[in-house]
């Protein structure tokens, strides 16, 4: 099986559709998929579900969303399904980070 540039084996289904979901909260490692795929597909994701979104503060969520935007993520979103007990204020923090601009 061939590997794509960030080591998925094989590339995700989304990659063939023109988008790639990114699950990486470490800024240094986040830059790798941005460099590899920027301009070829839209990058989605990067707000950690279990720790930041569910258990963090709105400020934690906002900072992580801004870090994703500044790293080059095109669409800021939770890593996967939003936990049912996620505070609404935390979801609004993602919106606030995106409204500040790309």
C-alpha atoms as a PDB file:
ATOM      1  CA  UNK A   1       0.000   0.000   0.000  1.00  0.00           C
ATOM      2  CA  UNK A   2       1.245   3.480  -0.762  1.00  0.00           C
ATOM      3  CA  UNK A   3       1.581   6.178   1.885  1.00  0.00           C
ATOM      4  CA  UNK A   4       0.505   9.771   1.438  1.00  0.00           C
ATOM      5  CA  UNK A   5       2.697  12.686   2.542  1.00  0.00           C
ATOM      6  CA  UNK A   6       1.590  12.713   6.173  1.00  0.00           C
ATOM      7  CA  UNK A   7       1.778   8.991   6.670  1.00  0.00           C
ATOM      8  CA  UNK A   8      -1.818   7.852   6.414  1.00  0.00           C
ATOM      9  CA  UNK A   9      -1.999   4.363   5.012  1.00  0.00           C
ATOM     10  CA  UNK A  10      -3.901   4.659   2.648  1.00  0.00           C
ATOM     11  CA  UNK A  11      -4.950   8.336   2.292  1.00  0.00           C
ATOM     12  CA  UNK A  12      -8.286   9.128   3.895  1.00  0.00           C
ATOM     13  CA  UNK A  13     -11.456   8.968   1.853  1.00  0.00           C
ATOM     14  CA  UNK A  14     -11.812  12.736   2.255  1.00  0.00           C
ATOM     15  CA  UNK A  15      -8.454  13.285   0.604  1.00  0.00           C
ATOM     16  CA  UNK A  16      -9.827  11.875  -2.646  1.00  0.00           C
ATOM     17  CA  UNK A  17     -12.787  14.264  -2.356  1.00  0.00           C
ATOM     18  CA  UNK A  18     -10.673  17.395  -1.964  1.00  0.00           C
ATOM     19  CA  UNK A  19     -10.542  17.768   1.815  1.00  0.00           C
ATOM     20  CA  UNK A  20      -8.518  16.303   4.646  1.00  0.00           C
ATOM     21  CA  UNK A  21      -9.519  16.145   8.306  1.00  0.00           C
ATOM     22  CA  UNK A  22      -6.651  16.983  10.637  1.00  0.00           C
ATOM     23  CA  UNK A  23      -6.458  15.724  14.225  1.00  0.00           C
ATOM     24  CA  UNK A  24      -3.387  17.393  15.655  1.00  0.00           C
ATOM     25  CA  UNK A  25      -3.266  19.849  18.534  1.00  0.00           C
ATOM     26  CA  UNK A  26       0.523  20.277  18.501  1.00  0.00           C
ATOM     27  CA  UNK A  27       1.256  23.321  16.322  1.00  0.00           C
ATOM     28  CA  UNK A  28       4.656  22.063  15.163  1.00  0.00           C
ATOM     29  CA  UNK A  29       3.192  18.808  13.854  1.00  0.00           C
ATOM     30  CA  UNK A  30       0.161  20.608  12.384  1.00  0.00           C
ATOM     31  CA  UNK A  31       2.347  22.531   9.950  1.00  0.00           C
ATOM     32  CA  UNK A  32       3.339  19.310   8.126  1.00  0.00           C
ATOM     33  CA  UNK A  33      -0.069  18.561   6.544  1.00  0.00           C
ATOM     34  CA  UNK A  34      -0.573  22.254   5.793  1.00  0.00           C
ATOM     35  CA  UNK A  35       2.698  22.366   3.857  1.00  0.00           C
ATOM     36  CA  UNK A  36       2.021  19.014   2.166  1.00  0.00           C
ATOM     37  CA  UNK A  37      -1.536  19.717   1.011  1.00  0.00           C
ATOM     38  CA  UNK A  38      -2.113  23.502   0.941  1.00  0.00           C
ATOM     39  CA  UNK A  39      -3.542  24.505  -2.402  1.00  0.00           C
ATOM     40  CA  UNK A  40      -4.366  20.911  -3.351  1.00  0.00           C
ATOM     41  CA  UNK A  41      -7.216  20.376  -0.903  1.00  0.00           C
ATOM     42  CA  UNK A  42      -8.973  22.088   1.985  1.00  0.00           C
ATOM     43  CA  UNK A  43      -7.807  21.184   5.475  1.00  0.00           C
ATOM     44  CA  UNK A  44     -10.507  20.719   8.120  1.00  0.00           C
ATOM     45  CA  UNK A  45     -10.359  20.275  11.852  1.00  0.00           C
ATOM     46  CA  UNK A  46      -8.041  20.586  14.742  1.00  0.00           C
ATOM     47  CA  UNK A  47     -10.034  21.392  17.861  1.00  0.00           C
ATOM     48  CA  UNK A  48      -9.433  18.518  20.297  1.00  0.00           C
ATOM     49  CA  UNK A  49     -12.720  16.911  21.371  1.00  0.00           C
ATOM     50  CA  UNK A  50     -11.999  15.039  24.581  1.00  0.00           C
ATOM     51  CA  UNK A  51      -9.782  17.548  26.350  1.00  0.00           C
ATOM     52  CA  UNK A  52     -10.232  21.014  24.910  1.00  0.00           C
ATOM     53  CA  UNK A  53     -13.803  21.062  23.640  1.00  0.00           C
ATOM     54  CA  UNK A  54     -15.444  18.958  26.339  1.00  0.00           C
ATOM     55  CA  UNK A  55     -13.298  19.773  29.403  1.00  0.00           C
ATOM     56  CA  UNK A  56     -11.569  23.029  28.502  1.00  0.00           C
ATOM     57  CA  UNK A  57     -12.655  26.621  28.932  1.00  0.00           C
ATOM     58  CA  UNK A  58     -13.943  28.836  26.112  1.00  0.00           C
ATOM     59  CA  UNK A  59     -10.537  30.553  26.191  1.00  0.00           C
ATOM     60  CA  UNK A  60      -8.778  27.181  25.708  1.00  0.00           C
ATOM     61  CA  UNK A  61     -11.002  26.403  22.723  1.00  0.00           C
ATOM     62  CA  UNK A  62     -10.525  29.870  21.254  1.00  0.00           C
ATOM     63  CA  UNK A  63      -6.726  29.615  21.509  1.00  0.00           C
ATOM     64  CA  UNK A  64      -6.661  26.179  19.888  1.00  0.00           C
ATOM     65  CA  UNK A  65      -8.942  27.337  17.071  1.00  0.00           C
ATOM     66  CA  UNK A  66      -6.795  30.441  16.463  1.00  0.00           C
ATOM     67  CA  UNK A  67      -3.646  28.290  16.418  1.00  0.00           C
ATOM     68  CA  UNK A  68      -5.261  26.108  13.736  1.00  0.00           C
ATOM     69  CA  UNK A  69      -6.201  29.154  11.664  1.00  0.00           C
ATOM     70  CA  UNK A  70      -2.731  30.635  12.007  1.00  0.00           C
ATOM     71  CA  UNK A  71      -1.191  27.299  10.987  1.00  0.00           C
ATOM     72  CA  UNK A  72      -3.217  27.348   7.765  1.00  0.00           C
ATOM     73  CA  UNK A  73      -6.239  25.139   8.456  1.00  0.00           C
ATOM     74  CA  UNK A  74      -9.008  26.182   6.040  1.00  0.00           C
ATOM     75  CA  UNK A  75     -12.064  25.105   8.047  1.00  0.00           C
ATOM     76  CA  UNK A  76     -11.825  25.067  11.843  1.00  0.00           C
ATOM     77  CA  UNK A  77     -13.891  22.271  13.345  1.00  0.00           C
ATOM     78  CA  UNK A  78     -13.835  19.631  16.086  1.00  0.00           C
ATOM     79  CA  UNK A  79     -11.658  16.585  15.381  1.00  0.00           C
ATOM     80  CA  UNK A  80     -14.673  14.316  15.055  1.00  0.00           C
ATOM     81  CA  UNK A  81     -18.132  14.051  16.608  1.00  0.00           C
ATOM     82  CA  UNK A  82     -18.916  16.746  19.171  1.00  0.00           C
ATOM     83  CA  UNK A  83     -19.373  15.205  22.639  1.00  0.00           C
ATOM     84  CA  UNK A  84     -23.006  15.616  23.753  1.00  0.00           C
ATOM     85  CA  UNK A  85     -22.013  17.339  27.000  1.00  0.00           C
ATOM     86  CA  UNK A  86     -19.850  19.971  25.316  1.00  0.00           C
ATOM     87  CA  UNK A  87     -20.607  23.405  26.785  1.00  0.00           C
ATOM     88  CA  UNK A  88     -22.297  25.699  24.257  1.00  0.00           C
ATOM     89  CA  UNK A  89     -19.835  28.461  25.238  1.00  0.00           C
ATOM     90  CA  UNK A  90     -17.000  26.238  23.980  1.00  0.00           C
ATOM     91  CA  UNK A  91     -18.680  25.784  20.598  1.00  0.00           C
ATOM     92  CA  UNK A  92     -19.244  29.526  20.370  1.00  0.00           C
ATOM     93  CA  UNK A  93     -15.520  30.030  21.014  1.00  0.00           C
ATOM     94  CA  UNK A  94     -14.760  28.254  17.718  1.00  0.00           C
ATOM     95  CA  UNK A  95     -17.108  30.649  15.932  1.00  0.00           C
ATOM     96  CA  UNK A  96     -15.512  33.648  17.641  1.00  0.00           C
ATOM     97  CA  UNK A  97     -12.037  32.496  16.563  1.00  0.00           C
ATOM     98  CA  UNK A  98     -13.182  32.064  12.964  1.00  0.00           C
ATOM     99  CA  UNK A  99     -15.016  35.409  12.908  1.00  0.00           C
ATOM    100  CA  UNK A 100     -11.786  37.133  13.920  1.00  0.00           C
ATOM    101  CA  UNK A 101     -10.530  36.172  10.485  1.00  0.00           C
ATOM    102  CA  UNK A 102      -8.166  33.991   8.570  1.00  0.00           C
END
